[in-house]
Amino acid sequence: MGRYLFRLPDIGEGVTEAEIVAWHVQPGARIREDDNLADVMTDKATVEMTSPVDGTVTAVHGEVGAMLAVGAVLVELEVEGEGNAPAQAEPGASVEPPAPPSAATGESRVEAAPAVAPERTSPAQAAPRTAPPPEKSRAVAGRVDIPIGPRQVFAAPATRRRAYELGIPLQFVPGTGPGGRILPSDLDDFIASGGMARAPGGLAPRTGGEDVKIVGLRRRIAERMQEAKRRIPHIAYVEEVDVTQIEALRAEMNARPDEGQPKLTLLPFLIRALVRALPDFPQVNARFDDDEGVLHVSAGVHVGIATQTPGGLMVPVLRHAEALTLAEIAREIARLSAAAREGTAKREELSGSTITITSLGPLGGIATTPVINHPEVAIIGPNRIVEKPVVQGQFVSVRKVMNISSSFDHRIVDGYDAASFIQALKRLIEHPALIFMGDGA
C-alpha cells in the first residue's frame, strides 16, 4: 500500500489560497476516482475537489471556513501501489505548501489545474458554482459549520408526532441517528437535559440555539459589505417616479410581442433609461480605485444585477448594455440570473460592473438604502410599484408609482449631481418614448 497526498491545485487567475466550504469525506472513507472530496471557494466561485485516485482517506486538513494555500495538502489517502509520498513521512510534514503557484492561467471558467506539488499532479475536475446548498456543508469536529439558513430536520413520522404532542420544536433537538436523524430517544434526552416540554394546551418558552459559523459565499458577502461601508461614505437619495406610462408600454409589448421577444419586466426599461442618462453623468458610471486615487470612468455601461441565490447575494454583470435592445437585455438578464442561481456563472460574469441595480421586487417596500458594490460609485434600487391617488392639476387620478432608492460615493458624486442624475432618470421613465429616441432600441 502507498500513501497519496492530494494537494490544493492551482485554480488559476492568480489565486493563492481558497476557503474550505464543505467536506464530503472523513478519515476512514473509501473513495473512488472522481469522488468529490471537498468544496473550496475562491472569490465567488465554488470548486469541487475530486479525487484522482481510488483509496481510503487517512486524514483531511482544515475545517470548514479555513483558508488553505494552493499546494498545501488537502487530503491524505492510502492507495494501492506506491502512491506519491513516502510511506514513512512524518505526520503533519505533508501539510506544508510547496513553492508558490504559477501565474494565472487566464481561463475564465474555473477549472482546477494540475497541482503544483512535485508529486503526481492532480487532474481534479473543477465545476464552478455558487456556495453549496446548506445540506452539503457538514459539521466538522462537532461544530456546526453551515451557511445561515433553516436547519433541515430528519425524523420519522412517529417521532414527529410525539414531538408535536410534547410541544418540542424538532429544530432544536440534536439528532444522533444516521445523518443527524432525530430518534425517539433524542426527545427523551432533550427533555432530560433541560429542554422544554410544553404543558398541555399552554405555551412554552424557546431555549437553546446554535452558533453558526459564517463561511463560503455568506462570508464573502459579509466581507464585501463591510469593505464597502468602511471605505465608501454613502449618500442616499430617494425619489418617487410615476411609472404608469412605462408600465402601459410594457403591458402592450408583452401582449403583442415581436418574434423571439421574451416577456419583458420593468428591469430592461430601467437599464435602457440608465444607458440614456449616464453619458451626461460620466462620474456615476465608474469604478474608483481609492488606493491609487484614480477614477476609472467607463465608456460602456456594465450593469451589475443583484441576484438572490440559494447561497446568498450574487451580482452577475450585464456587459455593454448600451449595445443591446430591450429584448436582448431581457434575455441576458434571464441567462445571467439563472447562471448565478444555478452556480454556473463564469468568473468574468461576476465582475467588472460599473453600476449596479438591486431590487427586492414585490418585497421592495417603500425605500431602501442600498450598499454600493465596491469599487463602483453608485447603486440604484427600484422599489415596489403601487397604485395611489395623485393630484394632477385640478384632478386626482390613480397612478402607478414607484420609489427609486439610490446610494452614491460622496467622495466622487456630490449631492447635487446625485439628485440631478436621478431626476434625469425619472424624466426618462415617466416619458418612456425618450428612452428610445435616436438609438433604435
Protein backbone atom coordinates (compact mmCIF):
# COMPACT_ATOMS: atom_id res chain seq x y z
CA MET A 1 0.00 0.00 0.00
CA GLY A 2 1.15 3.53 -0.72
CA ARG A 3 0.43 6.99 0.57
CA TYR A 4 -1.08 9.65 -1.68
CA LEU A 5 -1.20 13.36 -0.90
CA PHE A 6 -3.89 15.36 -2.62
CA ARG A 7 -2.81 18.99 -2.68
CA LEU A 8 -4.98 22.03 -3.37
CA PRO A 9 -4.39 22.64 -7.07
CA ASP A 10 -3.73 25.91 -8.82
CA ILE A 11 -7.22 27.02 -9.84
CA GLY A 12 -5.97 29.92 -11.90
CA GLU A 13 -6.34 33.72 -12.08
CA GLY A 14 -3.61 34.32 -9.54
CA VAL A 15 -5.49 32.65 -6.72
CA THR A 16 -3.06 31.72 -3.96
CA GLU A 17 -5.48 30.34 -1.40
CA ALA A 18 -9.02 29.09 -1.11
CA GLU A 19 -11.57 28.62 1.61
CA ILE A 20 -12.83 25.17 2.52
CA VAL A 21 -16.61 25.42 2.43
CA ALA A 22 -17.63 21.76 2.67
CA TRP A 23 -16.13 18.35 3.32
CA HIS A 24 -17.55 15.30 1.59
CA VAL A 25 -15.21 12.74 3.11
CA GLN A 26 -13.77 12.00 6.52
CA PRO A 27 -10.93 9.69 7.62
CA GLY A 28 -11.83 6.08 7.02
CA ALA A 29 -13.96 6.76 3.97
CA ARG A 30 -13.35 4.52 0.99
CA ILE A 31 -13.47 6.56 -2.19
CA ARG A 32 -13.24 6.02 -5.90
CA GLU A 33 -11.62 8.15 -8.55
CA ASP A 34 -13.64 11.32 -9.28
CA ASP A 35 -15.46 11.17 -5.96
CA ASN A 36 -15.90 14.64 -4.52
CA LEU A 37 -13.56 15.22 -1.61
CA ALA A 38 -14.38 18.79 -0.68
CA ASP A 39 -15.68 22.11 -1.98
CA VAL A 40 -13.42 25.15 -1.88
CA MET A 41 -14.27 28.74 -2.70
CA THR A 42 -12.23 31.42 -4.39
CA ASP A 43 -13.74 34.83 -4.88
CA LYS A 44 -17.36 33.85 -5.59
CA ALA A 45 -16.81 30.59 -7.39
CA THR A 46 -17.03 27.29 -5.57
CA VAL A 47 -14.94 24.47 -6.94
CA GLU A 48 -15.36 20.75 -6.34
CA MET A 49 -12.16 18.92 -5.48
CA THR A 50 -12.46 15.40 -6.86
CA SER A 51 -10.11 12.56 -6.18
CA PRO A 52 -7.72 11.50 -8.94
CA VAL A 53 -7.28 8.04 -7.40
CA ASP A 54 -9.06 5.22 -5.60
CA GLY A 55 -8.15 4.85 -1.97
CA THR A 56 -9.01 5.22 1.68
CA VAL A 57 -8.95 8.61 3.35
CA THR A 58 -6.48 8.69 6.20
CA ALA A 59 -6.52 12.40 7.01
CA VAL A 60 -8.17 15.65 6.00
CA HIS A 61 -6.60 19.04 6.61
CA GLY A 62 -8.57 22.10 7.63
CA GLU A 63 -12.04 22.74 8.93
CA VAL A 64 -14.88 24.32 7.04
CA GLY A 65 -14.13 28.03 6.89
CA ALA A 66 -10.35 27.56 6.98
CA MET A 67 -8.15 29.15 4.31
CA LEU A 68 -5.75 26.77 2.57
CA ALA A 69 -2.79 27.80 0.41
CA VAL A 70 -2.51 26.45 -3.11
CA GLY A 71 -0.20 23.46 -2.95
CA ALA A 72 -0.99 22.59 0.65
CA VAL A 73 -2.20 19.07 1.35
CA LEU A 74 -5.97 18.85 1.46
CA VAL A 75 -6.47 15.09 1.82
CA GLU A 76 -4.19 12.14 2.58
CA LEU A 77 -5.10 8.72 1.20
CA GLU A 78 -3.92 5.15 1.39
CA VAL A 79 -3.80 3.72 -2.10
CA GLU A 80 -2.81 0.59 -3.95
CA GLY A 81 0.77 0.76 -5.22
CA GLU A 82 3.40 3.32 -4.31
CA GLY A 83 1.32 6.47 -4.14
CA ASN A 84 3.08 9.80 -4.44
CA ALA A 85 4.59 10.26 -0.98
CA PRO A 86 6.96 8.29 1.24
CA ALA A 87 5.05 5.99 3.50
CA GLN A 88 7.31 6.90 6.40
CA ALA A 89 6.69 10.64 6.09
CA GLU A 90 6.16 12.33 9.39
CA PRO A 91 2.55 13.19 10.09
CA GLY A 92 1.97 16.87 9.50
CA ALA A 93 5.01 17.36 7.33
CA SER A 94 2.85 16.99 4.28
CA VAL A 95 0.70 19.98 5.14
CA GLU A 96 3.47 22.43 4.31
CA PRO A 97 2.74 24.02 0.97
CA PRO A 98 5.33 23.81 -1.76
CA ALA A 99 6.56 26.75 -3.77
CA PRO A 100 4.02 29.43 -4.74
CA PRO A 101 1.77 28.56 -7.64
CA SER A 102 2.44 29.54 -11.18
CA ALA A 103 0.86 32.54 -12.82
CA ALA A 104 -2.79 32.68 -13.59
CA THR A 105 -3.96 30.57 -16.45
CA GLY A 106 -6.26 33.23 -17.83
CA GLU A 107 -9.07 30.75 -18.21
CA SER A 108 -12.31 32.41 -17.33
CA ARG A 109 -14.22 29.32 -16.32
CA VAL A 110 -12.75 27.87 -13.21
CA GLU A 111 -11.09 24.57 -13.79
CA ALA A 112 -8.70 23.02 -11.38
CA ALA A 113 -5.28 22.82 -12.96
CA PRO A 114 -2.84 20.10 -12.06
CA ALA A 115 -1.44 20.54 -8.60
CA VAL A 116 1.84 22.39 -8.41
CA ALA A 117 3.26 19.88 -5.99
CA PRO A 118 6.19 17.79 -7.22
CA GLU A 119 4.22 14.62 -6.59
CA ARG A 120 1.80 13.21 -9.10
CA THR A 121 -0.27 16.04 -10.39
CA SER A 122 -3.96 16.13 -9.71
CA PRO A 123 -6.36 16.02 -12.59
CA ALA A 124 -9.09 17.08 -10.24
CA GLN A 125 -12.06 18.32 -12.17
CA ALA A 126 -13.42 21.63 -11.11
CA ALA A 127 -17.01 22.67 -11.58
CA PRO A 128 -17.65 26.29 -10.61
CA ARG A 129 -20.83 27.03 -8.83
CA THR A 130 -22.11 29.14 -6.02
CA ALA A 131 -21.92 28.25 -2.40
CA PRO A 132 -23.18 24.72 -1.84
CA PRO A 133 -26.67 24.07 -0.59
CA PRO A 134 -26.79 24.11 3.18
CA GLU A 135 -27.21 20.36 3.37
CA LYS A 136 -23.85 19.84 1.65
CA SER A 137 -21.94 21.79 4.30
CA ARG A 138 -21.05 19.38 7.02
CA ALA A 139 -20.09 19.92 10.58
CA VAL A 140 -16.50 19.19 11.45
CA ALA A 141 -15.36 18.03 14.84
CA GLY A 142 -18.80 18.50 16.28
CA ARG A 143 -19.10 22.18 15.41
CA VAL A 144 -21.96 23.37 13.21
CA ASP A 145 -20.25 24.90 10.19
CA ILE A 146 -23.08 25.62 7.83
CA PRO A 147 -24.20 28.66 5.94
CA ILE A 148 -27.02 30.60 7.52
CA GLY A 149 -30.36 29.08 6.69
CA PRO A 150 -33.10 26.94 8.14
CA ARG A 151 -31.89 23.64 9.55
CA GLN A 152 -33.25 20.59 7.78
CA VAL A 153 -34.77 18.18 10.25
CA PHE A 154 -34.82 14.43 9.66
CA ALA A 155 -37.19 12.38 11.79
CA ALA A 156 -39.65 9.55 11.36
CA PRO A 157 -43.37 10.42 11.30
CA ALA A 158 -43.87 8.74 14.66
CA THR A 159 -41.07 10.80 16.16
CA ARG A 160 -42.53 13.98 14.70
CA ARG A 161 -45.93 13.11 16.10
CA ARG A 162 -44.54 12.51 19.57
CA ALA A 163 -42.53 15.73 19.44
CA TYR A 164 -45.70 17.59 18.48
CA GLU A 165 -47.61 16.07 21.38
CA LEU A 166 -44.82 17.03 23.76
CA GLY A 167 -44.52 20.51 22.32
CA ILE A 168 -40.89 20.05 21.36
CA PRO A 169 -39.60 22.02 18.35
CA LEU A 170 -37.55 19.47 16.43
CA GLN A 171 -35.16 22.08 15.03
CA PHE A 172 -33.63 22.40 18.49
CA VAL A 173 -33.22 18.67 19.13
CA PRO A 174 -29.78 17.19 18.36
CA GLY A 175 -30.16 14.07 16.28
CA THR A 176 -27.97 11.08 17.00
CA GLY A 177 -29.25 8.83 14.22
CA PRO A 178 -27.68 8.31 10.79
CA GLY A 179 -27.20 11.60 9.01
CA GLY A 180 -28.38 13.51 12.08
CA ARG A 181 -31.81 11.83 12.12
CA ILE A 182 -33.71 12.52 15.33
CA LEU A 183 -34.57 9.36 17.23
CA PRO A 184 -37.28 8.90 19.89
CA SER A 185 -34.54 8.63 22.50
CA ASP A 186 -33.27 12.07 21.43
CA LEU A 187 -36.59 13.54 22.55
CA ASP A 188 -36.16 11.96 25.97
CA ASP A 189 -32.59 13.22 26.20
CA PHE A 190 -33.71 16.69 25.15
CA ILE A 191 -36.27 16.86 27.93
CA ALA A 192 -33.90 15.33 30.48
CA SER A 193 -31.22 17.87 29.62
CA GLY A 194 -33.48 20.80 30.40
CA GLY A 195 -35.22 21.13 27.09
CA MET A 196 -38.77 22.26 27.17
CA ALA A 197 -41.86 20.19 27.15
CA ARG A 198 -44.96 22.28 26.69
CA ALA A 199 -47.67 21.99 29.23
CA PRO A 200 -50.83 20.61 27.65
CA GLY A 201 -52.69 23.43 25.98
CA GLY A 202 -50.12 26.03 27.02
CA LEU A 203 -47.25 27.95 25.51
CA ALA A 204 -43.61 27.12 26.11
CA PRO A 205 -40.55 29.33 26.05
CA ARG A 206 -37.89 28.74 23.45
CA THR A 207 -34.50 27.92 24.82
CA GLY A 208 -31.17 26.94 23.40
CA GLY A 209 -29.87 27.93 20.00
CA GLU A 210 -26.77 27.30 17.99
CA ASP A 211 -23.59 29.04 16.95
CA VAL A 212 -23.42 29.25 13.19
CA LYS A 213 -20.04 29.90 11.62
CA ILE A 214 -20.17 32.22 8.64
CA VAL A 215 -18.42 30.51 5.74
CA GLY A 216 -18.40 30.40 1.98
CA LEU A 217 -20.45 32.86 -0.03
CA ARG A 218 -22.06 34.36 3.08
CA ARG A 219 -18.60 35.14 4.41
CA ARG A 220 -17.64 36.76 1.09
CA ILE A 221 -20.81 38.82 1.16
CA ALA A 222 -20.12 39.92 4.72
CA GLU A 223 -16.55 40.92 3.87
CA ARG A 224 -17.59 42.87 0.78
CA MET A 225 -20.39 44.70 2.57
CA GLN A 226 -18.10 45.62 5.43
CA GLU A 227 -15.44 46.77 3.00
CA ALA A 228 -17.93 48.89 1.07
CA LYS A 229 -19.33 50.59 4.14
CA ARG A 230 -15.88 51.07 5.68
CA ARG A 231 -14.32 52.63 2.61
CA ILE A 232 -17.20 54.47 0.97
CA PRO A 233 -19.01 57.44 2.51
CA HIS A 234 -22.51 56.80 1.22
CA ILE A 235 -25.05 59.45 0.36
CA ALA A 236 -28.59 58.16 -0.16
CA TYR A 237 -31.32 59.67 -2.29
CA VAL A 238 -34.92 58.53 -2.84
CA GLU A 239 -37.31 59.82 -5.48
CA GLU A 240 -40.87 58.89 -6.39
CA VAL A 241 -41.42 58.07 -10.05
CA ASP A 242 -44.67 57.76 -11.99
CA VAL A 243 -44.39 54.51 -13.94
CA THR A 244 -47.92 54.47 -15.36
CA GLN A 245 -46.83 55.11 -18.94
CA ILE A 246 -43.90 52.76 -18.97
CA GLU A 247 -46.00 50.03 -17.38
CA ALA A 248 -48.66 50.52 -20.05
CA LEU A 249 -45.98 50.30 -22.73
CA ARG A 250 -44.57 47.16 -21.16
CA ALA A 251 -48.02 45.54 -20.99
CA GLU A 252 -48.65 46.39 -24.66
CA MET A 253 -45.31 44.96 -25.77
CA ASN A 254 -45.92 41.78 -23.80
CA ALA A 255 -49.44 41.47 -25.22
CA ARG A 256 -48.15 41.73 -28.79
CA PRO A 257 -44.56 40.52 -28.67
CA ASP A 258 -42.23 40.64 -31.62
CA GLU A 259 -40.94 37.31 -32.85
CA GLY A 260 -38.50 35.91 -30.36
CA GLN A 261 -39.16 38.61 -27.79
CA PRO A 262 -39.12 37.31 -24.23
CA LYS A 263 -41.54 38.57 -21.63
CA LEU A 264 -40.42 42.00 -20.55
CA THR A 265 -40.16 43.06 -16.94
CA LEU A 266 -39.55 46.63 -15.87
CA LEU A 267 -35.83 45.99 -15.42
CA PRO A 268 -34.83 46.15 -19.13
CA PHE A 269 -36.60 49.50 -19.42
CA LEU A 270 -34.73 50.81 -16.39
CA ILE A 271 -31.44 49.68 -17.87
CA ARG A 272 -32.24 51.40 -21.17
CA ALA A 273 -33.04 54.56 -19.20
CA LEU A 274 -29.68 54.23 -17.42
CA VAL A 275 -27.94 53.93 -20.78
CA ARG A 276 -29.58 57.18 -21.91
CA ALA A 277 -28.89 59.11 -18.70
CA LEU A 278 -25.33 58.07 -17.88
CA PRO A 279 -23.50 59.91 -20.70
CA ASP A 280 -24.46 63.19 -19.00
CA PHE A 281 -23.12 61.90 -15.67
CA PRO A 282 -19.93 60.02 -16.57
CA GLN A 283 -18.65 60.07 -12.98
CA VAL A 284 -21.60 57.86 -12.00
CA ASN A 285 -20.68 55.09 -14.45
CA ALA A 286 -17.26 54.42 -13.00
CA ARG A 287 -15.05 52.48 -10.61
CA PHE A 288 -12.97 54.31 -8.01
CA ASP A 289 -9.51 52.98 -7.15
CA ASP A 290 -9.08 54.81 -3.87
CA ASP A 291 -5.67 53.23 -3.27
CA GLU A 292 -4.32 54.90 -6.40
CA GLY A 293 -6.65 57.87 -6.27
CA VAL A 294 -7.91 57.19 -9.79
CA LEU A 295 -11.49 57.21 -11.05
CA HIS A 296 -11.90 54.82 -13.97
CA VAL A 297 -14.78 56.24 -16.00
CA SER A 298 -16.25 53.63 -18.33
CA ALA A 299 -17.47 54.34 -21.83
CA GLY A 300 -19.50 51.15 -21.82
CA VAL A 301 -22.37 50.54 -19.42
CA HIS A 302 -21.80 47.34 -17.49
CA VAL A 303 -24.74 46.80 -15.17
CA GLY A 304 -24.46 44.58 -12.12
CA ILE A 305 -27.73 42.77 -11.45
CA ALA A 306 -28.00 41.97 -7.75
CA THR A 307 -29.45 38.46 -7.66
CA GLN A 308 -30.61 36.39 -4.73
CA THR A 309 -29.34 32.81 -4.98
CA PRO A 310 -29.72 29.81 -2.69
CA GLY A 311 -26.26 30.58 -1.30
CA GLY A 312 -26.74 34.32 -0.93
CA LEU A 313 -26.44 37.54 -2.88
CA MET A 314 -24.50 37.49 -6.16
CA VAL A 315 -24.05 40.21 -8.78
CA PRO A 316 -23.73 38.92 -12.34
CA VAL A 317 -22.80 41.61 -14.84
CA LEU A 318 -24.70 42.54 -17.98
CA ARG A 319 -21.99 43.94 -20.23
CA HIS A 320 -22.33 46.71 -22.78
CA ALA A 321 -25.98 47.41 -22.11
CA GLU A 322 -25.65 50.39 -24.48
CA ALA A 323 -25.32 47.92 -27.38
CA LEU A 324 -28.34 45.77 -26.51
CA THR A 325 -32.01 46.13 -27.38
CA LEU A 326 -34.77 45.67 -24.84
CA ALA A 327 -35.28 42.07 -25.89
CA GLU A 328 -31.56 41.34 -25.79
CA ILE A 329 -31.28 42.89 -22.34
CA ALA A 330 -34.22 40.79 -21.12
CA ARG A 331 -32.66 37.59 -22.48
CA GLU A 332 -29.27 38.41 -20.99
CA ILE A 333 -30.77 39.19 -17.60
CA ALA A 334 -32.60 35.86 -17.62
CA ARG A 335 -29.46 33.99 -18.65
CA LEU A 336 -27.21 35.65 -16.09
CA SER A 337 -29.72 35.31 -13.26
CA ALA A 338 -30.20 31.63 -14.00
CA ALA A 339 -26.44 31.07 -14.15
CA ALA A 340 -25.98 32.80 -10.79
CA ARG A 341 -28.74 30.78 -9.15
CA GLU A 342 -27.52 27.50 -10.64
CA GLY A 343 -23.88 28.21 -9.82
CA THR A 344 -22.71 28.09 -13.42
CA ALA A 345 -21.79 31.76 -13.84
CA LYS A 346 -18.30 32.28 -15.18
CA ARG A 347 -15.80 34.34 -13.26
CA GLU A 348 -15.85 37.22 -15.75
CA GLU A 349 -19.64 37.29 -15.49
CA LEU A 350 -19.35 38.12 -11.82
CA SER A 351 -17.01 41.09 -12.00
CA GLY A 352 -16.37 44.32 -13.88
CA SER A 353 -19.68 46.12 -13.37
CA THR A 354 -19.68 49.94 -13.47
CA ILE A 355 -23.06 50.48 -11.80
CA THR A 356 -25.45 48.10 -10.04
CA ILE A 357 -29.22 47.70 -9.85
CA THR A 358 -30.66 45.98 -6.81
CA SER A 359 -34.32 45.29 -6.21
CA LEU A 360 -36.35 43.27 -3.79
CA GLY A 361 -39.14 43.02 -6.34
CA PRO A 362 -42.57 42.60 -4.77
CA LEU A 363 -40.90 42.80 -1.34
CA GLY A 364 -39.34 46.13 -2.22
CA GLY A 365 -41.08 48.20 0.46
CA ILE A 366 -41.22 51.98 0.37
CA ALA A 367 -37.48 52.67 0.23
CA THR A 368 -34.15 51.01 0.82
CA THR A 369 -30.61 52.23 1.49
CA PRO A 370 -28.59 50.02 -0.89
CA VAL A 371 -24.90 49.43 -0.24
CA ILE A 372 -22.60 50.38 -3.10
CA ASN A 373 -20.95 47.46 -4.86
CA HIS A 374 -17.32 48.44 -4.23
CA PRO A 375 -15.42 49.85 -6.14
CA GLU A 376 -18.34 51.33 -8.08
CA VAL A 377 -19.66 54.75 -7.11
CA ALA A 378 -23.42 54.30 -7.47
CA ILE A 379 -26.20 51.78 -6.97
CA ILE A 380 -29.87 52.06 -7.94
CA GLY A 381 -32.68 50.32 -6.06
CA PRO A 382 -36.16 50.38 -7.62
CA ASN A 383 -38.85 49.59 -5.06
CA ARG A 384 -42.31 48.09 -5.24
CA ILE A 385 -44.85 49.58 -7.64
CA VAL A 386 -48.08 50.68 -6.00
CA GLU A 387 -51.22 52.40 -7.20
CA LYS A 388 -52.10 55.62 -5.40
CA PRO A 389 -54.12 58.80 -6.00
CA VAL A 390 -52.03 61.57 -7.49
CA VAL A 391 -53.03 65.21 -7.88
CA GLN A 392 -52.56 66.34 -11.50
CA GLY A 393 -53.62 69.96 -11.89
CA GLN A 394 -57.20 70.15 -10.70
CA PHE A 395 -57.79 66.46 -10.92
CA VAL A 396 -56.92 63.43 -8.86
CA SER A 397 -56.19 60.20 -10.70
CA VAL A 398 -54.93 56.79 -9.77
CA ARG A 399 -51.35 56.33 -10.98
CA LYS A 400 -48.74 53.60 -10.69
CA VAL A 401 -45.80 54.97 -8.74
CA MET A 402 -42.53 53.57 -7.55
CA ASN A 403 -39.75 54.90 -5.37
CA ILE A 404 -36.21 54.71 -6.67
CA SER A 405 -33.65 54.41 -3.90
CA SER A 406 -30.05 55.19 -4.68
CA SER A 407 -26.69 55.48 -2.98
CA PHE A 408 -23.60 57.30 -4.22
CA ASP A 409 -19.96 57.51 -3.20
CA HIS A 410 -19.88 61.00 -1.75
CA ARG A 411 -16.16 61.32 -2.46
CA ILE A 412 -16.96 61.27 -6.18
CA VAL A 413 -20.60 62.29 -6.52
CA ASP A 414 -21.93 65.42 -4.83
CA GLY A 415 -25.49 65.52 -3.59
CA TYR A 416 -26.47 67.94 -6.36
CA ASP A 417 -25.13 65.63 -9.06
CA ALA A 418 -26.75 62.60 -7.44
CA ALA A 419 -30.14 64.33 -7.38
CA SER A 420 -29.68 65.60 -10.95
CA PHE A 421 -28.88 62.10 -12.18
CA ILE A 422 -31.94 60.58 -10.53
CA GLN A 423 -34.12 63.40 -11.85
CA ALA A 424 -32.83 62.68 -15.36
CA LEU A 425 -33.65 59.01 -14.83
CA LYS A 426 -37.11 59.97 -13.56
CA ARG A 427 -37.79 62.07 -16.67
CA LEU A 428 -36.88 59.17 -18.95
CA ILE A 429 -39.00 56.67 -17.04
CA GLU A 430 -42.03 58.93 -16.87
CA HIS A 431 -41.76 59.71 -20.59
CA PRO A 432 -40.61 56.34 -21.96
CA ALA A 433 -40.60 57.49 -25.58
CA LEU A 434 -37.43 59.44 -24.69
CA ILE A 435 -35.69 56.18 -23.86
CA PHE A 436 -35.91 55.02 -27.46
CA MET A 437 -35.17 58.25 -29.26
CA GLY A 438 -32.20 58.05 -31.58
CA ASP A 439 -30.91 54.57 -30.81
CA GLY A 440 -33.45 52.24 -32.36
CA ALA A 441 -33.76 50.19 -29.19
